[in-house]
Amino acid sequence: MDLGYEDYFLFLFALIFVLAVIAVMAALARRFGLGYRTPGRGKGERRLSLVEVMPVDAKRRLALFRRDSVEYLVLMGATSDVLLERAIPTQADDFKAALSSAVTEPASGETRS
């Protein structure tokens, strides 16, 4: 059996065609939401976020997660994860909330006129 250039070209064309079909099917599946189901929330309504990650050593990291208005400190390693501190109250996130709390609460020794 002797393979010529036509056979190699046909094989290459078939390979490219199959890979293109797989890519199109994956894009359509992602577009129509197949796979993991997530609730229909907008960008501003997310409840869970990763606040900060700090490496401890080559195999472990500290991560600070926020859910609603509570933070959790987690030590993540190669084989296990440990919750170090839970229910850490968060400080005011935005500048307006901090400013309004500073304006409504006068400092000790000051009087409002």
Protein backbone atom coordinates (compact mmCIF):
# COMPACT_ATOMS: atom_id res chain seq x y z
CA MET A 1 0.00 0.00 0.00
CA ASP A 2 1.63 3.19 -1.19
CA LEU A 3 0.47 6.50 0.31
CA GLY A 4 0.82 9.53 -1.90
CA TYR A 5 0.48 13.24 -1.29
CA GLU A 6 -3.24 13.07 -1.99
CA ASP A 7 -3.78 10.65 0.89
CA TYR A 8 -1.78 12.82 3.32
CA PHE A 9 -3.71 15.90 2.21
CA LEU A 10 -7.02 14.07 2.66
CA PHE A 11 -5.97 12.92 6.16
CA LEU A 12 -4.92 16.46 7.14
CA PHE A 13 -8.16 17.91 5.79
CA ALA A 14 -10.23 15.34 7.71
CA LEU A 15 -8.32 16.06 10.93
CA ILE A 16 -8.84 19.82 10.61
CA PHE A 17 -12.52 19.28 9.82
CA VAL A 18 -13.08 17.06 12.90
CA LEU A 19 -11.27 19.51 15.20
CA ALA A 20 -13.35 22.39 13.80
CA VAL A 21 -16.59 20.45 14.40
CA ILE A 22 -15.52 19.76 18.00
CA ALA A 23 -14.69 23.45 18.56
CA VAL A 24 -18.03 24.59 17.12
CA MET A 25 -19.96 22.09 19.23
CA ALA A 26 -18.11 23.21 22.39
CA ALA A 27 -18.83 26.88 21.60
CA LEU A 28 -22.52 26.12 21.03
CA ALA A 29 -22.73 24.12 24.26
CA ARG A 30 -21.16 26.97 26.19
CA ARG A 31 -23.40 29.52 24.49
CA PHE A 32 -26.61 27.69 25.32
CA GLY A 33 -25.58 26.97 28.91
CA LEU A 34 -24.98 23.25 28.81
CA GLY A 35 -22.78 21.96 31.59
CA TYR A 36 -22.74 23.64 34.99
CA ARG A 37 -25.95 25.38 35.90
CA THR A 38 -25.55 28.76 37.55
CA PRO A 39 -28.33 30.97 38.84
CA GLY A 40 -29.14 33.95 36.64
CA ARG A 41 -27.43 36.69 38.59
CA GLY A 42 -25.94 39.86 37.25
CA LYS A 43 -22.37 40.99 37.83
CA GLY A 44 -23.35 43.24 40.72
CA GLU A 45 -25.24 40.54 42.64
CA ARG A 46 -22.43 38.07 43.27
CA ARG A 47 -22.33 36.78 46.82
CA LEU A 48 -18.98 34.97 46.79
CA SER A 49 -15.62 36.53 46.03
CA LEU A 50 -11.94 35.89 46.58
CA VAL A 51 -10.55 38.90 48.41
CA GLU A 52 -6.86 38.08 48.71
CA VAL A 53 -4.39 35.19 48.32
CA MET A 54 -0.99 35.11 49.99
CA PRO A 55 1.60 32.34 49.53
CA VAL A 56 2.89 30.91 52.82
CA ASP A 57 5.50 28.59 51.33
CA ALA A 58 5.96 26.54 48.16
CA LYS A 59 2.99 24.27 48.87
CA ARG A 60 0.56 26.32 50.97
CA ARG A 61 -1.44 29.52 50.49
CA LEU A 62 -3.68 31.65 52.67
CA ALA A 63 -6.90 32.73 51.02
CA LEU A 64 -9.46 35.23 52.24
CA PHE A 65 -12.96 34.57 50.89
CA ARG A 66 -15.99 36.85 51.28
CA ARG A 67 -19.57 35.64 51.26
CA ASP A 68 -22.24 38.31 51.67
CA SER A 69 -20.67 40.50 54.37
CA VAL A 70 -18.62 37.81 56.16
CA GLU A 71 -15.04 36.76 55.43
CA TYR A 72 -13.37 33.36 55.90
CA LEU A 73 -9.61 32.70 56.19
CA VAL A 74 -8.57 29.37 54.65
CA LEU A 75 -5.14 27.70 54.58
CA MET A 76 -4.94 25.73 51.34
CA GLY A 77 -2.30 23.04 50.90
CA ALA A 78 -1.45 20.37 48.39
CA THR A 79 -3.42 17.64 50.18
CA SER A 80 -5.76 19.45 52.57
CA ASP A 81 -7.55 22.73 53.25
CA VAL A 82 -8.05 24.11 56.75
CA LEU A 83 -10.52 26.79 57.82
CA LEU A 84 -8.46 28.97 60.17
CA GLU A 85 -10.98 31.65 61.02
CA ARG A 86 -14.66 31.94 60.21
CA ALA A 87 -17.25 34.70 60.35
CA ILE A 88 -14.81 37.61 60.20
CA PRO A 89 -16.96 40.75 60.00
CA THR A 90 -16.02 42.96 57.06
CA GLN A 91 -15.36 46.65 57.23
CA ALA A 92 -17.33 49.13 55.15
CA ASP A 93 -16.60 48.37 51.52
CA ASP A 94 -17.25 51.63 49.85
CA PHE A 95 -16.14 55.14 50.62
CA LYS A 96 -19.65 56.57 51.01
CA ALA A 97 -20.59 54.12 53.77
CA ALA A 98 -17.38 54.87 55.67
CA LEU A 99 -17.85 58.59 55.20
CA SER A 100 -21.48 58.54 56.34
CA SER A 101 -20.60 56.57 59.47
CA ALA A 102 -17.77 59.02 60.25
CA VAL A 103 -20.06 62.02 59.79
CA THR A 104 -22.94 60.67 61.90
CA GLU A 105 -20.67 59.65 64.83
CA PRO A 106 -18.85 62.68 66.30
CA ALA A 107 -15.44 61.99 67.82
CA SER A 108 -15.12 62.01 71.62
CA GLY A 109 -14.71 65.52 72.99
CA GLU A 110 -16.25 67.18 69.95
CA THR A 111 -19.62 68.85 69.98
CA ARG A 112 -21.80 69.57 67.02
CA SER A 113 -23.11 73.07 66.53
